[in-house]
């Protein structure tokens, strides 16, 4: 995935070359580490250009926050 993003000028190289993406929730933005934000996990979608959001301090934090969204949706059914 990282090589794909870095090898295509369609993606913002000023961002993707500074990140190591490692996963997603299966249907959207990628989670990753950003070189100049040690100790933080970011979430990024190609549709956002160079914008991203910080979603936690560990991969577990990112996953847990995403799980809480799905748990809330499930409780509304």
PDB file of N, CA and C in Angstrom:
ATOM      1  N   UNK A   1       0.827  -1.186   0.000  1.00  0.00           N
ATOM      2  CA  UNK A   1       0.000   0.000   0.000  1.00  0.00           C
ATOM      3  C   UNK A   1       0.873   1.252   0.000  1.00  0.00           C
ATOM      4  N   UNK A   2       1.910   1.282   0.825  1.00  0.00           N
ATOM      5  CA  UNK A   2       2.788   2.459   0.873  1.00  0.00           C
ATOM      6  C   UNK A   2       3.497   2.681  -0.455  1.00  0.00           C
ATOM      7  N   UNK A   3       3.986   1.614  -1.049  1.00  0.00           N
ATOM      8  CA  UNK A   3       4.670   1.732  -2.331  1.00  0.00           C
ATOM      9  C   UNK A   3       3.701   2.226  -3.404  1.00  0.00           C
ATOM     10  N   UNK A   4       2.462   1.769  -3.360  1.00  0.00           N
ATOM     11  CA  UNK A   4       1.442   2.210  -4.307  1.00  0.00           C
ATOM     12  C   UNK A   4       1.223   3.717  -4.193  1.00  0.00           C
ATOM     13  N   UNK A   5       1.018   4.216  -2.979  1.00  0.00           N
ATOM     14  CA  UNK A   5       0.799   5.654  -2.780  1.00  0.00           C
ATOM     15  C   UNK A   5       2.010   6.477  -3.216  1.00  0.00           C
ATOM     16  N   UNK A   6       3.189   6.011  -2.861  1.00  0.00           N
ATOM     17  CA  UNK A   6       4.409   6.774  -3.166  1.00  0.00           C
ATOM     18  C   UNK A   6       4.787   6.725  -4.640  1.00  0.00           C
ATOM     19  N   UNK A   7       4.274   5.737  -5.353  1.00  0.00           N
ATOM     20  CA  UNK A   7       4.634   5.583  -6.752  1.00  0.00           C
ATOM     21  C   UNK A   7       3.694   6.247  -7.733  1.00  0.00           C
ATOM     22  N   UNK A   8       2.685   6.946  -7.239  1.00  0.00           N
ATOM     23  CA  UNK A   8       1.697   7.556  -8.136  1.00  0.00           C
ATOM     24  C   UNK A   8       1.530   9.031  -7.795  1.00  0.00           C
ATOM     25  N   UNK A   9       1.823   9.928  -8.735  1.00  0.00           N
ATOM     26  CA  UNK A   9       1.709  11.365  -8.460  1.00  0.00           C
ATOM     27  C   UNK A   9       0.272  11.830  -8.216  1.00  0.00           C
ATOM     28  N   UNK A  10      -0.686  10.937  -8.407  1.00  0.00           N
ATOM     29  CA  UNK A  10      -2.076  11.254  -8.086  1.00  0.00           C
ATOM     30  C   UNK A  10      -2.235  11.552  -6.588  1.00  0.00           C
ATOM     31  N   UNK A  11      -1.394  10.912  -5.766  1.00  0.00           N
ATOM     32  CA  UNK A  11      -1.469  11.085  -4.321  1.00  0.00           C
ATOM     33  C   UNK A  11      -0.506  12.186  -3.886  1.00  0.00           C
ATOM     34  N   UNK A  12      -0.853  12.933  -2.831  1.00  0.00           N
ATOM     35  CA  UNK A  12       0.001  14.050  -2.391  1.00  0.00           C
ATOM     36  C   UNK A  12       1.329  13.544  -1.817  1.00  0.00           C
ATOM     37  N   UNK A  13       2.358  13.625  -2.621  1.00  0.00           N
ATOM     38  CA  UNK A  13       3.660  13.083  -2.235  1.00  0.00           C
ATOM     39  C   UNK A  13       4.233  13.768  -1.001  1.00  0.00           C
ATOM     40  N   UNK A  14       3.919  15.053  -0.796  1.00  0.00           N
ATOM     41  CA  UNK A  14       4.423  15.749   0.392  1.00  0.00           C
ATOM     42  C   UNK A  14       3.870  15.142   1.676  1.00  0.00           C
ATOM     43  N   UNK A  15       2.757  14.411   1.586  1.00  0.00           N
ATOM     44  CA  UNK A  15       2.206  13.728   2.752  1.00  0.00           C
ATOM     45  C   UNK A  15       2.607  12.259   2.758  1.00  0.00           C
ATOM     46  N   UNK A  16       2.331  11.541   1.684  1.00  0.00           N
ATOM     47  CA  UNK A  16       2.518  10.088   1.704  1.00  0.00           C
ATOM     48  C   UNK A  16       3.978   9.669   1.880  1.00  0.00           C
ATOM     49  N   UNK A  17       4.924  10.501   1.471  1.00  0.00           N
ATOM     50  CA  UNK A  17       6.331  10.147   1.686  1.00  0.00           C
ATOM     51  C   UNK A  17       6.755  10.341   3.140  1.00  0.00           C
ATOM     52  N   UNK A  18       5.939  11.003   3.933  1.00  0.00           N
ATOM     53  CA  UNK A  18       6.224  11.227   5.350  1.00  0.00           C
ATOM     54  C   UNK A  18       5.487  10.244   6.255  1.00  0.00           C
ATOM     55  N   UNK A  19       4.730   9.314   5.646  1.00  0.00           N
ATOM     56  CA  UNK A  19       3.871   8.420   6.423  1.00  0.00           C
ATOM     57  C   UNK A  19       4.171   6.954   6.154  1.00  0.00           C
ATOM     58  N   UNK A  20       3.850   6.133   7.138  1.00  0.00           N
ATOM     59  CA  UNK A  20       3.859   4.690   6.987  1.00  0.00           C
ATOM     60  C   UNK A  20       2.444   4.237   7.321  1.00  0.00           C
ATOM     61  N   UNK A  21       1.697   3.868   6.292  1.00  0.00           N
ATOM     62  CA  UNK A  21       0.317   3.430   6.482  1.00  0.00           C
ATOM     63  C   UNK A  21       0.302   1.943   6.784  1.00  0.00           C
ATOM     64  N   UNK A  22      -0.583   1.534   7.699  1.00  0.00           N
ATOM     65  CA  UNK A  22      -0.576   0.138   8.122  1.00  0.00           C
ATOM     66  C   UNK A  22      -1.934  -0.522   8.124  1.00  0.00           C
ATOM     67  N   UNK A  23      -3.000   0.177   7.836  1.00  0.00           N
ATOM     68  CA  UNK A  23      -4.294  -0.488   7.843  1.00  0.00           C
ATOM     69  C   UNK A  23      -5.442   0.473   7.745  1.00  0.00           C
ATOM     70  N   UNK A  24      -6.632  -0.103   7.815  1.00  0.00           N
ATOM     71  CA  UNK A  24      -7.855   0.682   7.745  1.00  0.00           C
ATOM     72  C   UNK A  24      -8.994  -0.122   8.351  1.00  0.00           C
ATOM     73  N   UNK A  25     -10.187   0.431   8.287  1.00  0.00           N
ATOM     74  CA  UNK A  25     -11.344  -0.269   8.838  1.00  0.00           C
ATOM     75  C   UNK A  25     -12.021  -1.164   7.808  1.00  0.00           C
ATOM     76  N   UNK A  26     -11.434  -1.263   6.639  1.00  0.00           N
ATOM     77  CA  UNK A  26     -11.973  -2.127   5.602  1.00  0.00           C
ATOM     78  C   UNK A  26     -12.792  -1.416   4.556  1.00  0.00           C
ATOM     79  N   UNK A  27     -13.098  -0.166   4.789  1.00  0.00           N
ATOM     80  CA  UNK A  27     -13.952   0.537   3.812  1.00  0.00           C
ATOM     81  C   UNK A  27     -13.686   2.033   3.757  1.00  0.00           C
ATOM     82  N   UNK A  28     -12.467   2.449   4.043  1.00  0.00           N
ATOM     83  CA  UNK A  28     -12.255   3.891   3.997  1.00  0.00           C
ATOM     84  C   UNK A  28     -10.840   4.328   4.254  1.00  0.00           C
ATOM     85  N   UNK A  29     -10.678   5.396   5.013  1.00  0.00           N
ATOM     86  CA  UNK A  29      -9.367   6.008   5.253  1.00  0.00           C
ATOM     87  C   UNK A  29      -8.350   5.042   5.860  1.00  0.00           C
ATOM     88  N   UNK A  30      -7.100   5.340   5.605  1.00  0.00           N
ATOM     89  CA  UNK A  30      -5.974   4.543   6.100  1.00  0.00           C
ATOM     90  C   UNK A  30      -5.495   5.077   7.447  1.00  0.00           C
ATOM     91  N   UNK A  31      -4.995   4.180   8.278  1.00  0.00           N
ATOM     92  CA  UNK A  31      -4.322   4.564   9.505  1.00  0.00           C
ATOM     93  C   UNK A  31      -2.828   4.535   9.248  1.00  0.00           C
ATOM     94  N   UNK A  32      -2.097   5.406   9.914  1.00  0.00           N
ATOM     95  CA  UNK A  32      -0.657   5.398   9.715  1.00  0.00           C
ATOM     96  C   UNK A  32       0.100   6.209  10.742  1.00  0.00           C
ATOM     97  N   UNK A  33       1.413   6.096  10.641  1.00  0.00           N
ATOM     98  CA  UNK A  33       2.339   6.891  11.437  1.00  0.00           C
ATOM     99  C   UNK A  33       2.851   8.008  10.542  1.00  0.00           C
ATOM    100  N   UNK A  34       3.001   9.203  11.089  1.00  0.00           N
ATOM    101  CA  UNK A  34       3.555  10.327  10.334  1.00  0.00           C
ATOM    102  C   UNK A  34       4.878  10.718  10.992  1.00  0.00           C
ATOM    103  N   UNK A  35       5.896  10.831  10.178  1.00  0.00           N
ATOM    104  CA  UNK A  35       7.267  11.036  10.671  1.00  0.00           C
ATOM    105  C   UNK A  35       7.386  12.186  11.667  1.00  0.00           C
ATOM    106  N   UNK A  36       6.725  13.307  11.412  1.00  0.00           N
ATOM    107  CA  UNK A  36       6.880  14.460  12.305  1.00  0.00           C
ATOM    108  C   UNK A  36       5.851  14.497  13.436  1.00  0.00           C
ATOM    109  N   UNK A  37       5.106  13.407  13.622  1.00  0.00           N
ATOM    110  CA  UNK A  37       4.159  13.299  14.734  1.00  0.00           C
ATOM    111  C   UNK A  37       4.422  12.013  15.523  1.00  0.00           C
ATOM    112  N   UNK A  38       5.582  11.894  16.141  1.00  0.00           N
ATOM    113  CA  UNK A  38       5.871  10.669  16.889  1.00  0.00           C
ATOM    114  C   UNK A  38       4.866  10.465  18.018  1.00  0.00           C
ATOM    115  N   UNK A  39       4.488   9.220  18.209  1.00  0.00           N
ATOM    116  CA  UNK A  39       3.543   8.909  19.271  1.00  0.00           C
ATOM    117  C   UNK A  39       2.100   9.199  18.913  1.00  0.00           C
ATOM    118  N   UNK A  40       1.822   9.448  17.639  1.00  0.00           N
ATOM    119  CA  UNK A  40       0.460   9.737  17.188  1.00  0.00           C
ATOM    120  C   UNK A  40       0.121   8.850  15.994  1.00  0.00           C
ATOM    121  N   UNK A  41      -1.127   8.450  15.915  1.00  0.00           N
ATOM    122  CA  UNK A  41      -1.645   7.708  14.771  1.00  0.00           C
ATOM    123  C   UNK A  41      -2.548   8.653  13.997  1.00  0.00           C
ATOM    124  N   UNK A  42      -2.369   8.659  12.676  1.00  0.00           N
ATOM    125  CA  UNK A  42      -3.214   9.513  11.846  1.00  0.00           C
ATOM    126  C   UNK A  42      -4.185   8.662  11.039  1.00  0.00           C
ATOM    127  N   UNK A  43      -5.220   9.313  10.560  1.00  0.00           N
ATOM    128  CA  UNK A  43      -6.172   8.697   9.637  1.00  0.00           C
ATOM    129  C   UNK A  43      -6.208   9.595   8.418  1.00  0.00           C
ATOM    130  N   UNK A  44      -6.090   8.996   7.219  1.00  0.00           N
ATOM    131  CA  UNK A  44      -6.014   9.775   5.992  1.00  0.00           C
ATOM    132  C   UNK A  44      -6.751   9.071   4.871  1.00  0.00           C
ATOM    133  N   UNK A  45      -7.438   9.854   4.063  1.00  0.00           N
ATOM    134  CA  UNK A  45      -8.092   9.361   2.854  1.00  0.00           C
ATOM    135  C   UNK A  45      -7.528  10.129   1.669  1.00  0.00           C
ATOM    136  N   UNK A  46      -7.345   9.456   0.559  1.00  0.00           N
ATOM    137  CA  UNK A  46      -6.843  10.119  -0.645  1.00  0.00           C
ATOM    138  C   UNK A  46      -7.752  11.268  -1.055  1.00  0.00           C
ATOM    139  N   UNK A  47      -9.031  11.159  -0.778  1.00  0.00           N
ATOM    140  CA  UNK A  47      -9.984  12.222  -1.122  1.00  0.00           C
ATOM    141  C   UNK A  47      -9.733  13.497  -0.324  1.00  0.00           C
ATOM    142  N   UNK A  48      -9.001  13.403   0.782  1.00  0.00           N
ATOM    143  CA  UNK A  48      -8.730  14.558   1.640  1.00  0.00           C
ATOM    144  C   UNK A  48      -7.503  15.346   1.200  1.00  0.00           C
ATOM    145  N   UNK A  49      -6.794  14.885   0.197  1.00  0.00           N
ATOM    146  CA  UNK A  49      -5.571  15.577  -0.221  1.00  0.00           C
ATOM    147  C   UNK A  49      -4.510  15.485   0.857  1.00  0.00           C
ATOM    148  N   UNK A  50      -4.014  16.619   1.317  1.00  0.00           N
ATOM    149  CA  UNK A  50      -2.974  16.616   2.355  1.00  0.00           C
ATOM    150  C   UNK A  50      -3.549  16.715   3.766  1.00  0.00           C
ATOM    151  N   UNK A  51      -4.852  16.774   3.891  1.00  0.00           N
ATOM    152  CA  UNK A  51      -5.492  16.845   5.211  1.00  0.00           C
ATOM    153  C   UNK A  51      -5.529  15.455   5.848  1.00  0.00           C
ATOM    154  N   UNK A  52      -5.417  15.402   7.155  1.00  0.00           N
ATOM    155  CA  UNK A  52      -5.500  14.153   7.906  1.00  0.00           C
ATOM    156  C   UNK A  52      -5.984  14.487   9.301  1.00  0.00           C
ATOM    157  N   UNK A  53      -6.331  13.466  10.062  1.00  0.00           N
ATOM    158  CA  UNK A  53      -6.717  13.698  11.457  1.00  0.00           C
ATOM    159  C   UNK A  53      -5.921  12.765  12.358  1.00  0.00           C
ATOM    160  N   UNK A  54      -5.632  13.233  13.556  1.00  0.00           N
ATOM    161  CA  UNK A  54      -4.961  12.418  14.561  1.00  0.00           C
ATOM    162  C   UNK A  54      -6.046  11.640  15.293  1.00  0.00           C
ATOM    163  N   UNK A  55      -5.868  10.307  15.370  1.00  0.00           N
ATOM    164  CA  UNK A  55      -6.914   9.469  15.954  1.00  0.00           C
ATOM    165  C   UNK A  55      -6.469   8.705  17.194  1.00  0.00           C
ATOM    166  N   UNK A  56      -5.282   8.969  17.677  1.00  0.00           N
ATOM    167  CA  UNK A  56      -4.855   8.298  18.893  1.00  0.00           C
ATOM    168  C   UNK A  56      -3.350   8.265  19.024  1.00  0.00           C
ATOM    169  N   UNK A  57      -2.919   7.529  20.044  1.00  0.00           N
ATOM    170  CA  UNK A  57      -1.486   7.420  20.305  1.00  0.00           C
ATOM    171  C   UNK A  57      -0.950   6.024  20.018  1.00  0.00           C
ATOM    172  N   UNK A  58      -1.831   5.111  19.627  1.00  0.00           N
ATOM    173  CA  UNK A  58      -1.403   3.747  19.299  1.00  0.00           C
ATOM    174  C   UNK A  58      -2.368   3.161  18.273  1.00  0.00           C
ATOM    175  N   UNK A  59      -1.940   2.121  17.567  1.00  0.00           N
ATOM    176  CA  UNK A  59      -2.872   1.454  16.652  1.00  0.00           C
ATOM    177  C   UNK A  59      -4.124   0.961  17.374  1.00  0.00           C
ATOM    178  N   UNK A  60      -3.966   0.517  18.612  1.00  0.00           N
ATOM    179  CA  UNK A  60      -5.130   0.077  19.373  1.00  0.00           C
ATOM    180  C   UNK A  60      -6.122   1.217  19.585  1.00  0.00           C
ATOM    181  N   UNK A  61      -5.641   2.420  19.896  1.00  0.00           N
ATOM    182  CA  UNK A  61      -6.530   3.580  20.061  1.00  0.00           C
ATOM    183  C   UNK A  61      -7.350   3.822  18.800  1.00  0.00           C
ATOM    184  N   UNK A  62      -6.694   3.752  17.650  1.00  0.00           N
ATOM    185  CA  UNK A  62      -7.387   3.986  16.381  1.00  0.00           C
ATOM    186  C   UNK A  62      -8.459   2.929  16.167  1.00  0.00           C
ATOM    187  N   UNK A  63      -8.107   1.679  16.396  1.00  0.00           N
ATOM    188  CA  UNK A  63      -9.065   0.590  16.223  1.00  0.00           C
ATOM    189  C   UNK A  63     -10.231   0.723  17.203  1.00  0.00           C
ATOM    190  N   UNK A  64      -9.924   1.032  18.459  1.00  0.00           N
ATOM    191  CA  UNK A  64     -10.959   1.141  19.491  1.00  0.00           C
ATOM    192  C   UNK A  64     -11.949   2.254  19.163  1.00  0.00           C
ATOM    193  N   UNK A  65     -11.460   3.398  18.704  1.00  0.00           N
ATOM    194  CA  UNK A  65     -12.350   4.505  18.341  1.00  0.00           C
ATOM    195  C   UNK A  65     -13.268   4.097  17.194  1.00  0.00           C
ATOM    196  N   UNK A  66     -12.729   3.381  16.230  1.00  0.00           N
ATOM    197  CA  UNK A  66     -13.537   2.918  15.099  1.00  0.00           C
ATOM    198  C   UNK A  66     -14.574   1.903  15.571  1.00  0.00           C
ATOM    199  N   UNK A  67     -14.179   1.008  16.449  1.00  0.00           N
ATOM    200  CA  UNK A  67     -15.101   0.005  16.984  1.00  0.00           C
ATOM    201  C   UNK A  67     -16.250   0.665  17.727  1.00  0.00           C
ATOM    202  N   UNK A  68     -15.968   1.716  18.478  1.00  0.00           N
ATOM    203  CA  UNK A  68     -17.022   2.416  19.211  1.00  0.00           C
ATOM    204  C   UNK A  68     -18.064   3.002  18.268  1.00  0.00           C
ATOM    205  N   UNK A  69     -17.634   3.483  17.108  1.00  0.00           N
ATOM    206  CA  UNK A  69     -18.584   3.996  16.109  1.00  0.00           C
ATOM    207  C   UNK A  69     -19.507   2.873  15.661  1.00  0.00           C
ATOM    208  N   UNK A  70     -18.936   1.713  15.336  1.00  0.00           N
ATOM    209  CA  UNK A  70     -19.752   0.589  14.882  1.00  0.00           C
ATOM    210  C   UNK A  70     -20.648   0.061  15.997  1.00  0.00           C
ATOM    211  N   UNK A  71     -20.157   0.038  17.232  1.00  0.00           N
ATOM    212  CA  UNK A  71     -20.986  -0.397  18.354  1.00  0.00           C
ATOM    213  C   UNK A  71     -22.187   0.521  18.535  1.00  0.00           C
ATOM    214  N   UNK A  72     -21.982   1.832  18.371  1.00  0.00           N
ATOM    215  CA  UNK A  72     -23.082   2.793  18.474  1.00  0.00           C
ATOM    216  C   UNK A  72     -24.108   2.546  17.381  1.00  0.00           C
ATOM    217  N   UNK A  73     -23.642   2.335  16.172  1.00  0.00           N
ATOM    218  CA  UNK A  73     -24.561   2.051  15.064  1.00  0.00           C
ATOM    219  C   UNK A  73     -25.346   0.774  15.321  1.00  0.00           C
ATOM    220  N   UNK A  74     -24.669  -0.251  15.828  1.00  0.00           N
ATOM    221  CA  UNK A  74     -25.331  -1.521  16.108  1.00  0.00           C
ATOM    222  C   UNK A  74     -26.407  -1.351  17.171  1.00  0.00           C
ATOM    223  N   UNK A  75     -26.168  -0.532  18.175  1.00  0.00           N
ATOM    224  CA  UNK A  75     -27.149  -0.346  19.249  1.00  0.00           C
ATOM    225  C   UNK A  75     -28.377   0.427  18.781  1.00  0.00           C
ATOM    226  N   UNK A  76     -28.253   1.136  17.661  1.00  0.00           N
ATOM    227  CA  UNK A  76     -29.384   1.898  17.131  1.00  0.00           C
ATOM    228  C   UNK A  76     -30.305   1.056  16.257  1.00  0.00           C
ATOM    229  N   UNK A  77     -29.881  -0.157  15.946  1.00  0.00           N
ATOM    230  CA  UNK A  77     -30.704  -1.017  15.078  1.00  0.00           C
ATOM    231  C   UNK A  77     -31.812  -1.662  15.868  1.00  0.00           C
TER     232      UNK A  77
END
